[in-house]
Amino acid sequence: MTPITMVEGRRIPLSNLDKVLYPETGFTKGEVLHYYATVAGSLLAHIHNRPVSFLRYPDGPDGQLFFTKNPPPGTPAWVKTTPVPRSEDLSAEQVVIADLPSLMWAANLVVEFHTPQWPAGSPAVADRLIIDLDPGAPATVVECCAVALWLRERLAADGLHAYAKTSGSKGLHLAVPLEPTPSDRVSAYAKDLAQEAERELPGLVLHRMAKALRPGKVFVDHSQNAAAKTTAAPYTLRARARQTVSAPVSWDEVAACRTPSDLVFLADDIPPRLERDGDLFGPLTDPARAHRLPKEAGP
């Protein structure tokens, strides 16, 4: 019989707790659930009031992976959803992870959490800008850090403050809190920024996803600012060989990065980091930190 756990008054079946999801380290489903319960306060702050998409990997990263935006079959009635009309389905809805019970229900499905750059009720009106720095081998996160430092200064020249996190895979994500801005305008600004980075750092940066040009360079992916796109949420576990986390990092850590291992964080690394540093992505949830794009930016 599947054990039932009470979480803030909600009955949640938590199944297969001893199942190993990350064979390389022996990390189990029970440990996945414990991780999410431990970091819930910080994770919930960043996915608050945002439609969530799930990358599910119920048999671990070596098993079947599938991406879903629709509420999964069997979603409890008490799990919040929000309308997210799509061209192929004007009545579509998505889950909103509003509290700890919802988080633990979703974590039991074994998922990565992905969110758009806009909150529920405001499709295509972004309150953050995202830049995904993706290295092409033999480039690594070390080269991403060099690009990130350039982008930080360039954004600051426009009055924008960037915050960094690992992707939980190979690269880095930069996030900038914005006053509500149409997504197409944010996308255009991000593309201009990526093109400028390529001009200024021609031996290091690409702004197009051209595989033939990728080796040894960093692709500055501006596309995730499109209203239909999503990005891995801060503190989500990733479906990788080990239980890596998309972890916020300080700019001192970015500047000090000398080897890829310097910016690899596993689930067990995150609670001590939160205790020591607090939520390094916390400013993104503070409306007072949001700023406008330059007037000349965008279409």
C-alpha atoms as a PDB file:
ATOM      1  CA  MET A   1       0.000   0.000   0.000  1.00  0.00           C
ATOM      2  CA  THR A   2       1.262   3.468  -0.881  1.00  0.00           C
ATOM      3  CA  PRO A   3       2.001   5.397   2.324  1.00  0.00           C
ATOM      4  CA  ILE A   4      -0.061   8.523   2.931  1.00  0.00           C
ATOM      5  CA  THR A   5       1.649  11.575   4.383  1.00  0.00           C
ATOM      6  CA  MET A   6      -0.173  14.551   5.874  1.00  0.00           C
ATOM      7  CA  VAL A   7       1.290  17.858   4.710  1.00  0.00           C
ATOM      8  CA  GLU A   8      -0.387  20.928   6.179  1.00  0.00           C
ATOM      9  CA  GLY A   9      -3.685  19.076   6.338  1.00  0.00           C
ATOM     10  CA  ARG A  10      -3.499  17.544   2.859  1.00  0.00           C
ATOM     11  CA  ARG A  11      -3.273  13.781   2.343  1.00  0.00           C
ATOM     12  CA  ILE A  12      -0.511  13.017  -0.146  1.00  0.00           C
ATOM     13  CA  PRO A  13       0.490   9.521  -1.288  1.00  0.00           C
ATOM     14  CA  LEU A  14       4.281   9.357  -1.475  1.00  0.00           C
ATOM     15  CA  SER A  15       5.322   6.256  -3.398  1.00  0.00           C
ATOM     16  CA  ASN A  16       8.517   4.236  -4.008  1.00  0.00           C
ATOM     17  CA  LEU A  17      10.596   6.174  -1.511  1.00  0.00           C
ATOM     18  CA  ASP A  18      13.514   3.713  -1.711  1.00  0.00           C
ATOM     19  CA  LYS A  19      13.684   3.839  -5.504  1.00  0.00           C
ATOM     20  CA  VAL A  20      17.103   4.978  -6.712  1.00  0.00           C
ATOM     21  CA  LEU A  21      16.628   7.819  -9.191  1.00  0.00           C
ATOM     22  CA  TYR A  22      20.282   8.809  -9.587  1.00  0.00           C
ATOM     23  CA  PRO A  23      22.247   5.552  -9.950  1.00  0.00           C
ATOM     24  CA  GLU A  24      25.636   7.277 -10.065  1.00  0.00           C
ATOM     25  CA  THR A  25      25.216   8.437  -6.462  1.00  0.00           C
ATOM     26  CA  GLY A  26      22.438   6.198  -5.146  1.00  0.00           C
ATOM     27  CA  PHE A  27      20.196   9.216  -4.494  1.00  0.00           C
ATOM     28  CA  THR A  28      16.663   7.970  -3.884  1.00  0.00           C
ATOM     29  CA  LYS A  29      13.188   9.298  -4.433  1.00  0.00           C
ATOM     30  CA  GLY A  30      12.805   9.724  -0.685  1.00  0.00           C
ATOM     31  CA  GLU A  31      15.886  11.943  -0.694  1.00  0.00           C
ATOM     32  CA  VAL A  32      14.427  13.947  -3.591  1.00  0.00           C
ATOM     33  CA  LEU A  33      11.286  14.578  -1.541  1.00  0.00           C
ATOM     34  CA  HIS A  34      13.340  15.469   1.534  1.00  0.00           C
ATOM     35  CA  TYR A  35      15.367  17.944  -0.536  1.00  0.00           C
ATOM     36  CA  TYR A  36      12.270  19.723  -1.813  1.00  0.00           C
ATOM     37  CA  ALA A  37      10.736  19.866   1.656  1.00  0.00           C
ATOM     38  CA  THR A  38      13.959  21.391   2.999  1.00  0.00           C
ATOM     39  CA  VAL A  39      14.288  24.125   0.357  1.00  0.00           C
ATOM     40  CA  ALA A  40      10.550  24.713  -0.036  1.00  0.00           C
ATOM     41  CA  GLY A  41      10.571  28.276   1.290  1.00  0.00           C
ATOM     42  CA  SER A  42      13.075  29.500  -1.282  1.00  0.00           C
ATOM     43  CA  LEU A  43      11.757  27.459  -4.213  1.00  0.00           C
ATOM     44  CA  LEU A  44       8.136  28.453  -3.582  1.00  0.00           C
ATOM     45  CA  ALA A  45       9.107  32.132  -3.539  1.00  0.00           C
ATOM     46  CA  HIS A  46      10.387  31.852  -7.110  1.00  0.00           C
ATOM     47  CA  ILE A  47       7.585  29.800  -8.621  1.00  0.00           C
ATOM     48  CA  HIS A  48       4.883  31.691  -6.700  1.00  0.00           C
ATOM     49  CA  ASN A  49       1.944  32.642  -8.924  1.00  0.00           C
ATOM     50  CA  ARG A  50       3.602  31.268 -12.062  1.00  0.00           C
ATOM     51  CA  PRO A  51       2.241  28.514 -14.291  1.00  0.00           C
ATOM     52  CA  VAL A  52       4.557  25.543 -13.936  1.00  0.00           C
ATOM     53  CA  SER A  53       5.676  23.129 -16.626  1.00  0.00           C
ATOM     54  CA  PHE A  54       7.108  19.773 -15.620  1.00  0.00           C
ATOM     55  CA  LEU A  55       9.942  17.780 -17.119  1.00  0.00           C
ATOM     56  CA  ARG A  56       9.138  14.369 -15.664  1.00  0.00           C
ATOM     57  CA  TYR A  57      11.697  11.605 -15.177  1.00  0.00           C
ATOM     58  CA  PRO A  58       9.923   9.010 -12.993  1.00  0.00           C
ATOM     59  CA  ASP A  59      12.554   6.328 -13.677  1.00  0.00           C
ATOM     60  CA  GLY A  60      15.537   8.615 -13.286  1.00  0.00           C
ATOM     61  CA  PRO A  61      17.501  10.592 -15.874  1.00  0.00           C
ATOM     62  CA  ASP A  62      18.357   7.407 -17.813  1.00  0.00           C
ATOM     63  CA  GLY A  63      14.672   6.530 -18.218  1.00  0.00           C
ATOM     64  CA  GLN A  64      11.915   8.166 -20.184  1.00  0.00           C
ATOM     65  CA  LEU A  65      11.790  11.969 -19.979  1.00  0.00           C
ATOM     66  CA  PHE A  66       8.707  13.875 -21.040  1.00  0.00           C
ATOM     67  CA  PHE A  67       7.704  17.532 -20.842  1.00  0.00           C
ATOM     68  CA  THR A  68       4.171  18.518 -19.905  1.00  0.00           C
ATOM     69  CA  LYS A  69       2.367  21.805 -19.468  1.00  0.00           C
ATOM     70  CA  ASN A  70      -1.107  20.378 -18.832  1.00  0.00           C
ATOM     71  CA  PRO A  71      -2.066  19.300 -15.304  1.00  0.00           C
ATOM     72  CA  PRO A  72      -1.116  15.599 -15.041  1.00  0.00           C
ATOM     73  CA  PRO A  73      -3.908  13.010 -14.817  1.00  0.00           C
ATOM     74  CA  GLY A  74      -5.029  12.606 -11.227  1.00  0.00           C
ATOM     75  CA  THR A  75      -4.110  16.139 -10.176  1.00  0.00           C
ATOM     76  CA  PRO A  76      -5.900  16.710  -6.853  1.00  0.00           C
ATOM     77  CA  ALA A  77      -8.748  19.225  -6.857  1.00  0.00           C
ATOM     78  CA  TRP A  78      -6.958  21.276  -4.203  1.00  0.00           C
ATOM     79  CA  VAL A  79      -3.926  21.907  -6.463  1.00  0.00           C
ATOM     80  CA  LYS A  80      -4.290  25.384  -7.920  1.00  0.00           C
ATOM     81  CA  THR A  81      -4.414  25.857 -11.701  1.00  0.00           C
ATOM     82  CA  THR A  82      -4.556  28.944 -13.875  1.00  0.00           C
ATOM     83  CA  PRO A  83      -5.801  29.540 -17.434  1.00  0.00           C
ATOM     84  CA  VAL A  84      -2.980  29.646 -19.974  1.00  0.00           C
ATOM     85  CA  PRO A  85      -4.686  29.810 -23.396  1.00  0.00           C
ATOM     86  CA  ARG A  86      -2.714  28.347 -26.281  1.00  0.00           C
ATOM     87  CA  SER A  87      -3.422  28.564 -29.981  1.00  0.00           C
ATOM     88  CA  GLU A  88      -4.211  24.857 -30.114  1.00  0.00           C
ATOM     89  CA  ASP A  89      -6.276  24.924 -26.897  1.00  0.00           C
ATOM     90  CA  LEU A  90      -7.876  28.168 -25.745  1.00  0.00           C
ATOM     91  CA  SER A  91      -9.156  26.482 -22.574  1.00  0.00           C
ATOM     92  CA  ALA A  92      -5.737  25.153 -21.487  1.00  0.00           C
ATOM     93  CA  GLU A  93      -4.696  25.410 -17.864  1.00  0.00           C
ATOM     94  CA  GLN A  94      -1.452  24.833 -15.992  1.00  0.00           C
ATOM     95  CA  VAL A  95      -0.581  24.011 -12.421  1.00  0.00           C
ATOM     96  CA  VAL A  96       0.462  26.729  -9.989  1.00  0.00           C
ATOM     97  CA  ILE A  97       2.526  25.435  -7.067  1.00  0.00           C
ATOM     98  CA  ALA A  98       1.099  27.628  -4.342  1.00  0.00           C
ATOM     99  CA  ASP A  99       2.102  25.858  -1.117  1.00  0.00           C
ATOM    100  CA  LEU A 100       4.048  23.029   0.473  1.00  0.00           C
ATOM    101  CA  PRO A 101       1.388  20.347  -0.152  1.00  0.00           C
ATOM    102  CA  SER A 102       1.319  21.223  -3.861  1.00  0.00           C
ATOM    103  CA  LEU A 103       5.105  21.139  -3.977  1.00  0.00           C
ATOM    104  CA  MET A 104       5.307  17.716  -2.361  1.00  0.00           C
ATOM    105  CA  TRP A 105       2.556  16.344  -4.615  1.00  0.00           C
ATOM    106  CA  ALA A 106       4.499  17.539  -7.666  1.00  0.00           C
ATOM    107  CA  ALA A 107       7.843  16.327  -6.318  1.00  0.00           C
ATOM    108  CA  ASN A 108       6.336  12.848  -5.900  1.00  0.00           C
ATOM    109  CA  LEU A 109       5.848  12.821  -9.692  1.00  0.00           C
ATOM    110  CA  VAL A 110       9.644  13.306 -10.031  1.00  0.00           C
ATOM    111  CA  VAL A 111       9.898  16.521 -12.003  1.00  0.00           C
ATOM    112  CA  GLU A 112      12.056  19.450 -12.942  1.00  0.00           C
ATOM    113  CA  PHE A 113      10.171  22.695 -12.344  1.00  0.00           C
ATOM    114  CA  HIS A 114      10.119  25.164 -15.246  1.00  0.00           C
ATOM    115  CA  THR A 115       8.390  28.566 -15.319  1.00  0.00           C
ATOM    116  CA  PRO A 116       7.871  31.368 -17.859  1.00  0.00           C
ATOM    117  CA  GLN A 117       9.140  34.900 -17.311  1.00  0.00           C
ATOM    118  CA  TRP A 118       5.627  36.196 -16.551  1.00  0.00           C
ATOM    119  CA  PRO A 119       3.187  35.580 -13.666  1.00  0.00           C
ATOM    120  CA  ALA A 120      -0.225  33.944 -13.841  1.00  0.00           C
ATOM    121  CA  GLY A 121      -2.885  36.237 -15.262  1.00  0.00           C
ATOM    122  CA  SER A 122      -0.384  38.259 -17.274  1.00  0.00           C
ATOM    123  CA  PRO A 123       0.684  36.136 -20.248  1.00  0.00           C
ATOM    124  CA  ALA A 124       3.317  37.824 -22.397  1.00  0.00           C
ATOM    125  CA  VAL A 125       3.974  40.552 -19.816  1.00  0.00           C
ATOM    126  CA  ALA A 126       7.363  39.698 -18.345  1.00  0.00           C
ATOM    127  CA  ASP A 127       8.677  40.719 -14.951  1.00  0.00           C
ATOM    128  CA  ARG A 128      12.145  39.315 -15.538  1.00  0.00           C
ATOM    129  CA  LEU A 129      14.683  38.932 -18.291  1.00  0.00           C
ATOM    130  CA  ILE A 130      16.540  35.620 -18.694  1.00  0.00           C
ATOM    131  CA  ILE A 131      19.778  34.917 -20.522  1.00  0.00           C
ATOM    132  CA  ASP A 132      20.938  31.314 -20.819  1.00  0.00           C
ATOM    133  CA  LEU A 133      24.682  30.894 -21.311  1.00  0.00           C
ATOM    134  CA  ASP A 134      25.281  27.525 -22.970  1.00  0.00           C
ATOM    135  CA  PRO A 135      28.875  26.400 -23.637  1.00  0.00           C
ATOM    136  CA  GLY A 136      29.902  24.366 -26.657  1.00  0.00           C
ATOM    137  CA  ALA A 137      32.652  21.882 -25.805  1.00  0.00           C
ATOM    138  CA  PRO A 138      35.485  22.255 -25.120  1.00  0.00           C
ATOM    139  CA  ALA A 139      34.138  25.477 -23.575  1.00  0.00           C
ATOM    140  CA  THR A 140      32.653  24.989 -20.099  1.00  0.00           C
ATOM    141  CA  VAL A 141      30.993  27.024 -17.404  1.00  0.00           C
ATOM    142  CA  VAL A 142      34.369  28.735 -16.924  1.00  0.00           C
ATOM    143  CA  GLU A 143      33.926  30.488 -20.278  1.00  0.00           C
ATOM    144  CA  CYS A 144      30.272  31.157 -19.372  1.00  0.00           C
ATOM    145  CA  CYS A 145      31.488  33.014 -16.300  1.00  0.00           C
ATOM    146  CA  ALA A 146      33.678  35.292 -18.409  1.00  0.00           C
ATOM    147  CA  VAL A 147      30.685  36.122 -20.602  1.00  0.00           C
ATOM    148  CA  ALA A 148      28.444  36.571 -17.562  1.00  0.00           C
ATOM    149  CA  LEU A 149      30.793  39.146 -16.066  1.00  0.00           C
ATOM    150  CA  TRP A 150      30.752  41.137 -19.318  1.00  0.00           C
ATOM    151  CA  LEU A 151      26.952  40.950 -19.478  1.00  0.00           C
ATOM    152  CA  ARG A 152      26.653  42.026 -15.848  1.00  0.00           C
ATOM    153  CA  GLU A 153      28.546  45.240 -16.575  1.00  0.00           C
ATOM    154  CA  ARG A 154      26.657  45.840 -19.811  1.00  0.00           C
ATOM    155  CA  LEU A 155      23.300  45.408 -18.090  1.00  0.00           C
ATOM    156  CA  ALA A 156      24.410  47.702 -15.263  1.00  0.00           C
ATOM    157  CA  ALA A 157      25.127  50.407 -17.859  1.00  0.00           C
ATOM    158  CA  ASP A 158      21.415  50.247 -18.703  1.00  0.00           C
ATOM    159  CA  GLY A 159      20.426  50.463 -15.037  1.00  0.00           C
ATOM    160  CA  LEU A 160      19.666  46.736 -14.749  1.00  0.00           C
ATOM    161  CA  HIS A 161      20.990  44.392 -12.067  1.00  0.00           C
ATOM    162  CA  ALA A 162      21.645  40.762 -12.991  1.00  0.00           C
ATOM    163  CA  TYR A 163      21.689  37.732 -10.708  1.00  0.00           C
ATOM    164  CA  ALA A 164      23.359  34.452 -11.627  1.00  0.00           C
ATOM    165  CA  LYS A 165      22.536  30.793 -11.090  1.00  0.00           C
ATOM    166  CA  THR A 166      23.885  27.574 -12.449  1.00  0.00           C
ATOM    167  CA  SER A 167      21.684  25.829 -14.969  1.00  0.00           C
ATOM    168  CA  GLY A 168      22.238  22.573 -13.107  1.00  0.00           C
ATOM    169  CA  SER A 169      23.699  21.238 -16.338  1.00  0.00           C
ATOM    170  CA  LYS A 170      26.638  22.846 -18.193  1.00  0.00           C
ATOM    171  CA  GLY A 171      26.004  26.568 -18.133  1.00  0.00           C
ATOM    172  CA  LEU A 172      24.735  29.632 -16.331  1.00  0.00           C
ATOM    173  CA  HIS A 173      21.488  31.585 -16.250  1.00  0.00           C
ATOM    174  CA  LEU A 174      21.357  35.338 -15.697  1.00  0.00           C
ATOM    175  CA  ALA A 175      18.116  36.838 -14.445  1.00  0.00           C
ATOM    176  CA  VAL A 176      17.141  40.510 -14.241  1.00  0.00           C
ATOM    177  CA  PRO A 177      14.061  41.786 -12.366  1.00  0.00           C
ATOM    178  CA  LEU A 178      11.946  44.073 -14.547  1.00  0.00           C
ATOM    179  CA  GLU A 179       8.962  46.290 -14.236  1.00  0.00           C
ATOM    180  CA  PRO A 180       6.154  44.550 -16.185  1.00  0.00           C
ATOM    181  CA  THR A 181       7.160  44.727 -19.846  1.00  0.00           C
ATOM    182  CA  PRO A 182       5.720  43.087 -22.984  1.00  0.00           C
ATOM    183  CA  SER A 183       7.596  39.864 -23.675  1.00  0.00           C
ATOM    184  CA  ASP A 184       8.317  40.790 -27.289  1.00  0.00           C
ATOM    185  CA  ARG A 185      10.094  43.935 -26.131  1.00  0.00           C
ATOM    186  CA  VAL A 186      12.149  41.987 -23.589  1.00  0.00           C
ATOM    187  CA  SER A 187      12.994  39.418 -26.268  1.00  0.00           C
ATOM    188  CA  ALA A 188      14.171  42.121 -28.670  1.00  0.00           C
ATOM    189  CA  TYR A 189      16.353  43.728 -25.994  1.00  0.00           C
ATOM    190  CA  ALA A 190      17.882  40.361 -25.049  1.00  0.00           C
ATOM    191  CA  LYS A 191      18.632  39.596 -28.712  1.00  0.00           C
ATOM    192  CA  ASP A 192      20.308  42.978 -29.170  1.00  0.00           C
ATOM    193  CA  LEU A 193      22.360  42.297 -26.047  1.00  0.00           C
ATOM    194  CA  ALA A 194      23.435  38.877 -27.345  1.00  0.00           C
ATOM    195  CA  GLN A 195      24.462  40.377 -30.692  1.00  0.00           C
ATOM    196  CA  GLU A 196      26.438  43.092 -28.944  1.00  0.00           C
ATOM    197  CA  ALA A 197      28.191  40.473 -26.811  1.00  0.00           C
ATOM    198  CA  GLU A 198      29.174  38.598 -29.983  1.00  0.00           C
ATOM    199  CA  ARG A 199      30.614  41.780 -31.503  1.00  0.00           C
ATOM    200  CA  GLU A 200      32.567  42.629 -28.353  1.00  0.00           C
ATOM    201  CA  LEU A 201      33.715  39.057 -27.596  1.00  0.00           C
ATOM    202  CA  PRO A 202      33.925  37.531 -31.094  1.00  0.00           C
ATOM    203  CA  GLY A 203      36.207  34.660 -30.109  1.00  0.00           C
ATOM    204  CA  LEU A 204      33.973  33.614 -27.249  1.00  0.00           C
ATOM    205  CA  VAL A 205      30.304  34.391 -27.930  1.00  0.00           C
ATOM    206  CA  LEU A 206      27.619  33.330 -30.392  1.00  0.00           C
ATOM    207  CA  HIS A 207      24.095  34.714 -30.522  1.00  0.00           C
ATOM    208  CA  ARG A 208      22.775  32.005 -32.908  1.00  0.00           C
ATOM    209  CA  MET A 209      22.336  28.317 -32.173  1.00  0.00           C
ATOM    210  CA  ALA A 210      24.533  27.226 -35.077  1.00  0.00           C
ATOM    211  CA  LYS A 211      26.030  23.838 -34.162  1.00  0.00           C
ATOM    212  CA  ALA A 212      28.862  24.164 -36.643  1.00  0.00           C
ATOM    213  CA  LEU A 213      30.006  27.346 -34.885  1.00  0.00           C
ATOM    214  CA  ARG A 214      29.457  26.169 -31.290  1.00  0.00           C
ATOM    215  CA  PRO A 215      32.747  24.390 -30.399  1.00  0.00           C
ATOM    216  CA  GLY A 216      34.718  26.426 -27.884  1.00  0.00           C
ATOM    217  CA  LYS A 217      32.167  29.230 -27.698  1.00  0.00           C
ATOM    218  CA  VAL A 218      29.295  30.303 -25.457  1.00  0.00           C
ATOM    219  CA  PHE A 219      25.852  30.546 -26.993  1.00  0.00           C
ATOM    220  CA  VAL A 220      24.047  33.536 -25.463  1.00  0.00           C
ATOM    221  CA  ASP A 221      20.510  32.191 -25.690  1.00  0.00           C
ATOM    222  CA  HIS A 222      18.056  35.072 -25.631  1.00  0.00           C
ATOM    223  CA  SER A 223      15.096  33.006 -26.844  1.00  0.00           C
ATOM    224  CA  GLN A 224      13.807  32.043 -23.403  1.00  0.00           C
ATOM    225  CA  ASN A 225      12.279  35.507 -23.071  1.00  0.00           C
ATOM    226  CA  ALA A 226       9.602  34.588 -25.608  1.00  0.00           C
ATOM    227  CA  ALA A 227       6.228  34.290 -23.902  1.00  0.00           C
ATOM    228  CA  ALA A 228       5.876  30.603 -24.840  1.00  0.00           C
ATOM    229  CA  LYS A 229       9.264  29.599 -23.400  1.00  0.00           C
ATOM    230  CA  THR A 230      10.147  28.447 -19.896  1.00  0.00           C
ATOM    231  CA  THR A 231      13.349  28.173 -17.860  1.00  0.00           C
ATOM    232  CA  ALA A 232      14.418  25.813 -15.091  1.00  0.00           C
ATOM    233  CA  ALA A 233      13.377  27.368 -11.795  1.00  0.00           C
ATOM    234  CA  PRO A 234      15.888  28.302  -9.100  1.00  0.00           C
ATOM    235  CA  TYR A 235      16.503  25.336  -6.761  1.00  0.00           C
ATOM    236  CA  THR A 236      14.952  22.726  -9.041  1.00  0.00           C
ATOM    237  CA  LEU A 237      16.731  19.392  -9.285  1.00  0.00           C
ATOM    238  CA  ARG A 238      17.767  18.453 -12.818  1.00  0.00           C
ATOM    239  CA  ALA A 239      17.448  15.145 -14.671  1.00  0.00           C
ATOM    240  CA  ARG A 240      21.183  14.650 -15.005  1.00  0.00           C
ATOM    241  CA  ALA A 241      23.613  11.893 -14.041  1.00  0.00           C
ATOM    242  CA  ARG A 242      23.840  13.321 -10.527  1.00  0.00           C
ATOM    243  CA  GLN A 243      21.287  15.216  -8.444  1.00  0.00           C
ATOM    244  CA  THR A 244      22.493  18.618  -9.592  1.00  0.00           C
ATOM    245  CA  VAL A 245      20.546  21.753  -8.732  1.00  0.00           C
ATOM    246  CA  SER A 246      19.955  24.990 -10.621  1.00  0.00           C
ATOM    247  CA  ALA A 247      21.619  26.937  -7.826  1.00  0.00           C
ATOM    248  CA  PRO A 248      21.896  30.707  -7.335  1.00  0.00           C
ATOM    249  CA  VAL A 249      25.507  31.822  -7.026  1.00  0.00           C
ATOM    250  CA  SER A 250      27.216  35.021  -5.968  1.00  0.00           C
ATOM    251  CA  TRP A 251      29.139  37.214  -8.370  1.00  0.00           C
ATOM    252  CA  ASP A 252      32.256  36.506  -6.305  1.00  0.00           C
ATOM    253  CA  GLU A 253      31.766  32.806  -7.068  1.00  0.00           C
ATOM    254  CA  VAL A 254      31.335  33.575 -10.759  1.00  0.00           C
ATOM    255  CA  ALA A 255      34.512  35.662 -10.820  1.00  0.00           C
ATOM    256  CA  ALA A 256      36.473  33.002  -8.920  1.00  0.00           C
ATOM    257  CA  CYS A 257      35.418  30.062 -11.123  1.00  0.00           C
ATOM    258  CA  ARG A 258      38.468  28.293 -12.535  1.00  0.00           C
ATOM    259  CA  THR A 259      37.203  24.760 -13.189  1.00  0.00           C
ATOM    260  CA  PRO A 260      33.712  23.419 -14.008  1.00  0.00           C
ATOM    261  CA  SER A 261      33.526  21.664 -10.643  1.00  0.00           C
ATOM    262  CA  ASP A 262      33.647  25.044  -8.897  1.00  0.00           C
ATOM    263  CA  LEU A 263      30.023  25.641  -9.900  1.00  0.00           C
ATOM    264  CA  VAL A 264      28.491  22.192  -9.542  1.00  0.00           C
ATOM    265  CA  PHE A 265      26.052  21.946  -6.649  1.00  0.00           C
ATOM    266  CA  LEU A 266      24.235  18.808  -5.546  1.00  0.00           C
ATOM    267  CA  ALA A 267      21.075  18.604  -3.475  1.00  0.00           C
ATOM    268  CA  ASP A 268      22.956  18.221  -0.191  1.00  0.00           C
ATOM    269  CA  ASP A 269      24.961  21.393  -0.898  1.00  0.00           C
ATOM    270  CA  ILE A 270      21.943  23.686  -1.037  1.00  0.00           C
ATOM    271  CA  PRO A 271      20.596  23.798   2.556  1.00  0.00           C
ATOM    272  CA  PRO A 272      24.008  24.834   3.970  1.00  0.00           C
ATOM    273  CA  ARG A 273      24.307  27.495   1.266  1.00  0.00           C
ATOM    274  CA  LEU A 274      20.874  28.866   2.123  1.00  0.00           C
ATOM    275  CA  GLU A 275      21.756  28.911   5.814  1.00  0.00           C
ATOM    276  CA  ARG A 276      25.040  30.712   5.149  1.00  0.00           C
ATOM    277  CA  ASP A 277      24.122  33.092   2.319  1.00  0.00           C
ATOM    278  CA  GLY A 278      20.332  33.245   2.310  1.00  0.00           C
ATOM    279  CA  ASP A 279      18.537  33.185  -1.020  1.00  0.00           C
ATOM    280  CA  LEU A 280      20.937  34.799  -3.490  1.00  0.00           C
ATOM    281  CA  PHE A 281      18.044  35.084  -5.953  1.00  0.00           C
ATOM    282  CA  GLY A 282      15.814  36.739  -3.344  1.00  0.00           C
ATOM    283  CA  PRO A 283      16.010  40.207  -4.943  1.00  0.00           C
ATOM    284  CA  LEU A 284      14.112  38.871  -7.961  1.00  0.00           C
ATOM    285  CA  THR A 285      11.016  38.554  -5.779  1.00  0.00           C
ATOM    286  CA  ASP A 286      11.246  42.152  -4.510  1.00  0.00           C
ATOM    287  CA  PRO A 287       9.272  44.579  -6.723  1.00  0.00           C
ATOM    288  CA  ALA A 288      11.443  47.423  -5.449  1.00  0.00           C
ATOM    289  CA  ARG A 289      14.433  45.882  -7.263  1.00  0.00           C
ATOM    290  CA  ALA A 290      12.680  45.874 -10.631  1.00  0.00           C
ATOM    291  CA  HIS A 291      13.706  48.441 -13.250  1.00  0.00           C
ATOM    292  CA  ARG A 292      12.613  49.480 -16.723  1.00  0.00           C
ATOM    293  CA  LEU A 293      14.306  48.519 -19.931  1.00  0.00           C
ATOM    294  CA  PRO A 294      16.002  51.441 -21.700  1.00  0.00           C
ATOM    295  CA  LYS A 295      13.472  53.523 -23.658  1.00  0.00           C
ATOM    296  CA  GLU A 296      15.131  52.716 -26.966  1.00  0.00           C
ATOM    297  CA  ALA A 297      15.057  48.948 -26.311  1.00  0.00           C
ATOM    298  CA  GLY A 298      12.781  46.616 -28.214  1.00  0.00           C
ATOM    299  CA  PRO A 299      10.421  46.969 -31.134  1.00  0.00           C
END
